[in-house]
Amino acid sequence: MTDKQADSIGRVAELTLHLLRKLFDGKSDLNVGVRLWDGTRWPDDQIRPATLVLNHPGALRTMFLPGTEVGRSGLPLTRADWYSSQS
């Protein structure tokens, strides 16, 4: 991976965390956590009953695209994009 690609993925991670904070309005008492593709956990490192795992930088974006579950890409969301697990 080039430095440029790593910087881009880092910016996507920051944007993803920003969006999660906005979506959940800073609530830290959630029973659900999120784990990013790089291992980063949100909202913190606390183990929760369930975890949404985003397997690649575009997974959250794909989940929120307008339209059907297929989204703009024409490809359905798959377990390869994201999955939920019990922590």
Protein backbone atom coordinates (compact mmCIF):
# COMPACT_ATOMS: atom_id res chain seq x y z
CA MET A 1 0.00 0.00 0.00
CA THR A 2 1.35 3.40 -0.92
CA ASP A 3 1.51 6.33 1.51
CA LYS A 4 -1.21 8.05 -0.50
CA GLN A 5 -3.53 5.04 -0.18
CA ALA A 6 -2.83 4.78 3.54
CA ASP A 7 -3.61 8.49 3.99
CA SER A 8 -6.85 8.08 2.07
CA ILE A 9 -7.93 5.09 4.17
CA GLY A 10 -7.01 7.02 7.33
CA ARG A 11 -9.27 9.88 6.23
CA VAL A 12 -12.09 7.42 5.54
CA ALA A 13 -11.66 5.98 9.06
CA GLU A 14 -11.86 9.49 10.54
CA LEU A 15 -14.97 10.25 8.48
CA THR A 16 -16.57 6.95 9.51
CA LEU A 17 -15.98 7.70 13.19
CA HIS A 18 -17.35 11.24 12.70
CA LEU A 19 -20.50 9.87 11.06
CA LEU A 20 -21.02 7.34 13.85
CA ARG A 21 -20.72 10.13 16.44
CA LYS A 22 -23.28 12.19 14.52
CA LEU A 23 -25.66 9.26 14.01
CA PHE A 24 -25.64 8.27 17.67
CA ASP A 25 -25.35 11.82 19.03
CA GLY A 26 -22.50 11.01 21.38
CA LYS A 27 -24.36 8.30 23.29
CA SER A 28 -21.83 6.04 24.95
CA ASP A 29 -24.34 3.80 26.74
CA LEU A 30 -25.11 1.81 23.61
CA ASN A 31 -25.42 -1.95 23.68
CA VAL A 32 -23.89 -2.08 20.21
CA GLY A 33 -20.36 -1.22 19.20
CA VAL A 34 -18.69 -0.88 15.82
CA ARG A 35 -15.35 -2.32 14.75
CA LEU A 36 -13.68 -0.82 11.69
CA TRP A 37 -11.65 -2.72 9.11
CA ASP A 38 -8.43 -1.63 10.84
CA GLY A 39 -9.50 -2.89 14.28
CA THR A 40 -10.58 0.51 15.62
CA ARG A 41 -13.55 0.17 17.98
CA TRP A 42 -16.31 2.75 18.42
CA PRO A 43 -17.46 4.32 20.69
CA ASP A 44 -14.68 2.88 22.87
CA ASP A 45 -12.88 -0.38 23.60
CA GLN A 46 -15.59 -1.66 25.97
CA ILE A 47 -16.97 -5.07 25.00
CA ARG A 48 -20.67 -4.85 24.13
CA PRO A 49 -23.38 -7.49 23.59
CA ALA A 50 -23.23 -6.92 19.82
CA THR A 51 -20.69 -5.49 17.40
CA LEU A 52 -21.23 -4.26 13.86
CA VAL A 53 -18.06 -5.13 11.95
CA LEU A 54 -17.24 -2.99 8.90
CA ASN A 55 -14.91 -5.09 6.76
CA HIS A 56 -13.71 -2.38 4.38
CA PRO A 57 -13.59 1.42 4.19
CA GLY A 58 -16.67 1.69 1.96
CA ALA A 59 -18.97 -0.57 3.99
CA LEU A 60 -20.76 2.13 6.03
CA ARG A 61 -21.22 4.30 2.95
CA THR A 62 -22.66 1.35 1.05
CA MET A 63 -25.12 0.65 3.86
CA PHE A 64 -26.52 4.19 3.70
CA LEU A 65 -26.72 4.67 -0.06
CA PRO A 66 -30.20 5.64 -1.22
CA GLY A 67 -32.41 3.09 -2.88
CA THR A 68 -32.67 -0.57 -2.16
CA GLU A 69 -30.30 -2.93 -0.42
CA VAL A 70 -28.40 -3.03 -3.70
CA GLY A 71 -27.46 0.66 -3.56
CA ARG A 72 -25.80 2.55 -6.38
CA SER A 73 -23.07 0.04 -7.07
CA GLY A 74 -25.58 -2.52 -8.33
CA LEU A 75 -24.03 -5.05 -5.99
CA PRO A 76 -25.92 -6.30 -2.95
CA LEU A 77 -24.47 -5.88 0.51
CA THR A 78 -22.85 -9.10 1.54
CA ARG A 79 -21.30 -10.51 4.64
CA ALA A 80 -17.99 -9.53 3.06
CA ASP A 81 -19.00 -5.85 3.47
CA TRP A 82 -20.15 -6.02 7.07
CA TYR A 83 -21.55 -8.39 9.65
CA SER A 84 -22.79 -8.26 13.19
CA SER A 85 -21.40 -10.43 15.89
CA GLN A 86 -21.82 -11.02 19.54
CA SER A 87 -18.74 -9.53 21.16
